[in-house]
Amino acid sequence: MDILRQALCAMGRHSGEWSHPGSRCETIRTCSACGRTEERSRHDWGDWGYAGGCEQVRRCLRCGAPDSWPDHDWGPWLYANTEFNSPQVRTCRRCHTSERTSPTYR
């Protein structure tokens, strides 16, 4: 069994229980086979909410770390002009940001 545990550790598959050493979001574990210590973050995220415009924000309930991402309300793709190789453009209905494709041959 010891040889199997060493092989798993060599492949990076360590074993052991994760624990929170305090009120932080970093969890720590020490491998029961080789003694290597690993650390990772594991946040307890709250609900998403709009922070103005299209930016959605949530915070960790434990440490307060922020996380955000844009949630646009895109309109339809429209050709930018009547040229043969015109790109297509769409605009967010909420914050008026626009995206453009490369030229589209129609």
C-alpha atoms as a PDB file:
ATOM      1  CA  MET A   1       0.000   0.000   0.000  1.00  0.00           C
ATOM      2  CA  ASP A   2       2.894   2.359   0.750  1.00  0.00           C
ATOM      3  CA  ILE A   3       4.253   1.984  -2.817  1.00  0.00           C
ATOM      4  CA  LEU A   4       0.831   2.918  -4.234  1.00  0.00           C
ATOM      5  CA  ARG A   5       0.651   6.039  -2.042  1.00  0.00           C
ATOM      6  CA  GLN A   6       4.159   7.087  -3.124  1.00  0.00           C
ATOM      7  CA  ALA A   7       3.218   6.603  -6.789  1.00  0.00           C
ATOM      8  CA  LEU A   8       0.100   8.729  -6.322  1.00  0.00           C
ATOM      9  CA  CYS A   9       2.171  11.466  -4.638  1.00  0.00           C
ATOM     10  CA  ALA A  10       4.677  11.365  -7.513  1.00  0.00           C
ATOM     11  CA  MET A  11       1.769  11.998  -9.924  1.00  0.00           C
ATOM     12  CA  GLY A  12       0.566  14.940  -7.803  1.00  0.00           C
ATOM     13  CA  ARG A  13      -2.422  13.101  -6.302  1.00  0.00           C
ATOM     14  CA  HIS A  14      -1.851  13.833  -2.639  1.00  0.00           C
ATOM     15  CA  SER A  15      -4.197  12.779   0.151  1.00  0.00           C
ATOM     16  CA  GLY A  16      -5.279  14.350   3.403  1.00  0.00           C
ATOM     17  CA  GLU A  17      -8.061  16.486   4.830  1.00  0.00           C
ATOM     18  CA  TRP A  18      -8.452  20.172   3.912  1.00  0.00           C
ATOM     19  CA  SER A  19      -8.850  22.558   6.858  1.00  0.00           C
ATOM     20  CA  HIS A  20      -9.515  26.279   7.381  1.00  0.00           C
ATOM     21  CA  PRO A  21      -6.776  27.584   9.701  1.00  0.00           C
ATOM     22  CA  GLY A  22      -8.837  30.640  10.678  1.00  0.00           C
ATOM     23  CA  SER A  23     -11.366  33.029   9.198  1.00  0.00           C
ATOM     24  CA  ARG A  24      -9.432  33.237   5.932  1.00  0.00           C
ATOM     25  CA  CYS A  25     -10.556  31.520   2.727  1.00  0.00           C
ATOM     26  CA  GLU A  26      -7.307  29.677   2.208  1.00  0.00           C
ATOM     27  CA  THR A  27      -7.556  26.000   3.028  1.00  0.00           C
ATOM     28  CA  ILE A  28      -4.489  23.942   3.871  1.00  0.00           C
ATOM     29  CA  ARG A  29      -3.781  20.234   3.871  1.00  0.00           C
ATOM     30  CA  THR A  30      -0.743  18.128   4.619  1.00  0.00           C
ATOM     31  CA  CYS A  31      -0.404  14.932   2.609  1.00  0.00           C
ATOM     32  CA  SER A  32      -0.656  11.910   4.872  1.00  0.00           C
ATOM     33  CA  ALA A  33       1.767   9.944   2.671  1.00  0.00           C
ATOM     34  CA  CYS A  34       4.628  12.345   1.857  1.00  0.00           C
ATOM     35  CA  GLY A  35       4.062  15.303   4.217  1.00  0.00           C
ATOM     36  CA  ARG A  36       3.804  17.926   1.468  1.00  0.00           C
ATOM     37  CA  THR A  37       1.676  20.971   2.375  1.00  0.00           C
ATOM     38  CA  GLU A  38      -0.773  22.387  -0.198  1.00  0.00           C
ATOM     39  CA  GLU A  39      -2.824  25.561  -0.051  1.00  0.00           C
ATOM     40  CA  ARG A  40      -5.827  26.696  -2.105  1.00  0.00           C
ATOM     41  CA  SER A  41      -8.492  29.372  -1.896  1.00  0.00           C
ATOM     42  CA  ARG A  42     -12.084  28.371  -1.426  1.00  0.00           C
ATOM     43  CA  HIS A  43     -14.427  31.339  -1.158  1.00  0.00           C
ATOM     44  CA  ASP A  44     -18.001  31.301   0.110  1.00  0.00           C
ATOM     45  CA  TRP A  45     -19.584  33.593  -2.509  1.00  0.00           C
ATOM     46  CA  GLY A  46     -22.688  35.668  -1.870  1.00  0.00           C
ATOM     47  CA  ASP A  47     -25.356  36.529  -4.441  1.00  0.00           C
ATOM     48  CA  TRP A  48     -24.675  38.504  -7.615  1.00  0.00           C
ATOM     49  CA  GLY A  49     -25.867  42.112  -7.694  1.00  0.00           C
ATOM     50  CA  TYR A  50     -25.547  44.972 -10.177  1.00  0.00           C
ATOM     51  CA  ALA A  51     -23.002  47.651  -9.293  1.00  0.00           C
ATOM     52  CA  GLY A  52     -24.187  50.064 -11.959  1.00  0.00           C
ATOM     53  CA  GLY A  53     -24.397  49.626 -15.694  1.00  0.00           C
ATOM     54  CA  CYS A  54     -23.793  46.017 -16.669  1.00  0.00           C
ATOM     55  CA  GLU A  55     -21.187  45.131 -14.047  1.00  0.00           C
ATOM     56  CA  GLN A  56     -22.300  42.387 -11.691  1.00  0.00           C
ATOM     57  CA  VAL A  57     -20.457  42.021  -8.386  1.00  0.00           C
ATOM     58  CA  ARG A  58     -20.444  39.465  -5.605  1.00  0.00           C
ATOM     59  CA  ARG A  59     -18.391  39.283  -2.420  1.00  0.00           C
ATOM     60  CA  CYS A  60     -17.052  36.441  -0.373  1.00  0.00           C
ATOM     61  CA  LEU A  61     -19.078  36.114   2.821  1.00  0.00           C
ATOM     62  CA  ARG A  62     -15.985  35.054   4.779  1.00  0.00           C
ATOM     63  CA  CYS A  63     -13.167  37.419   3.668  1.00  0.00           C
ATOM     64  CA  GLY A  64     -14.956  40.081   1.569  1.00  0.00           C
ATOM     65  CA  ALA A  65     -12.965  39.463  -1.637  1.00  0.00           C
ATOM     66  CA  PRO A  66     -14.772  40.876  -4.712  1.00  0.00           C
ATOM     67  CA  ASP A  67     -15.580  39.053  -7.950  1.00  0.00           C
ATOM     68  CA  SER A  68     -17.166  40.732 -10.957  1.00  0.00           C
ATOM     69  CA  TRP A  69     -18.175  40.139 -14.570  1.00  0.00           C
ATOM     70  CA  PRO A  70     -20.130  42.091 -17.176  1.00  0.00           C
ATOM     71  CA  ASP A  71     -23.679  40.944 -17.941  1.00  0.00           C
ATOM     72  CA  HIS A  72     -24.658  42.805 -21.104  1.00  0.00           C
ATOM     73  CA  ASP A  73     -28.153  42.862 -22.601  1.00  0.00           C
ATOM     74  CA  TRP A  74     -27.103  42.610 -26.259  1.00  0.00           C
ATOM     75  CA  GLY A  75     -29.303  43.793 -29.067  1.00  0.00           C
ATOM     76  CA  PRO A  76     -29.414  42.091 -32.480  1.00  0.00           C
ATOM     77  CA  TRP A  77     -26.433  41.932 -34.832  1.00  0.00           C
ATOM     78  CA  LEU A  78     -26.790  44.620 -37.516  1.00  0.00           C
ATOM     79  CA  TYR A  79     -24.599  45.507 -40.477  1.00  0.00           C
ATOM     80  CA  ALA A  80     -22.583  48.677 -39.815  1.00  0.00           C
ATOM     81  CA  ASN A  81     -23.202  50.035 -43.315  1.00  0.00           C
ATOM     82  CA  THR A  82     -24.363  48.943 -46.768  1.00  0.00           C
ATOM     83  CA  GLU A  83     -20.910  48.108 -48.145  1.00  0.00           C
ATOM     84  CA  PHE A  84     -20.247  44.599 -49.477  1.00  0.00           C
ATOM     85  CA  ASN A  85     -17.706  43.736 -46.768  1.00  0.00           C
ATOM     86  CA  SER A  86     -19.423  45.509 -43.872  1.00  0.00           C
ATOM     87  CA  PRO A  87     -18.780  44.287 -40.297  1.00  0.00           C
ATOM     88  CA  GLN A  88     -21.679  43.488 -38.012  1.00  0.00           C
ATOM     89  CA  VAL A  89     -22.248  45.453 -34.810  1.00  0.00           C
ATOM     90  CA  ARG A  90     -24.366  44.823 -31.741  1.00  0.00           C
ATOM     91  CA  THR A  91     -24.989  47.231 -28.877  1.00  0.00           C
ATOM     92  CA  CYS A  92     -25.844  46.629 -25.240  1.00  0.00           C
ATOM     93  CA  ARG A  93     -29.279  48.020 -24.409  1.00  0.00           C
ATOM     94  CA  ARG A  94     -28.231  48.857 -20.868  1.00  0.00           C
ATOM     95  CA  CYS A  95     -24.757  50.491 -21.074  1.00  0.00           C
ATOM     96  CA  HIS A  96     -24.485  51.144 -24.841  1.00  0.00           C
ATOM     97  CA  THR A  97     -21.182  49.259 -25.247  1.00  0.00           C
ATOM     98  CA  SER A  98     -20.824  47.818 -28.726  1.00  0.00           C
ATOM     99  CA  GLU A  99     -19.077  44.814 -30.245  1.00  0.00           C
ATOM    100  CA  ARG A 100     -17.967  44.517 -33.851  1.00  0.00           C
ATOM    101  CA  THR A 101     -17.157  41.469 -35.969  1.00  0.00           C
ATOM    102  CA  SER A 102     -14.488  41.326 -38.613  1.00  0.00           C
ATOM    103  CA  PRO A 103     -15.757  42.231 -42.117  1.00  0.00           C
ATOM    104  CA  THR A 104     -18.565  39.929 -43.243  1.00  0.00           C
ATOM    105  CA  TYR A 105     -18.934  39.234 -46.941  1.00  0.00           C
ATOM    106  CA  ARG A 106     -22.579  38.999 -47.925  1.00  0.00           C
END
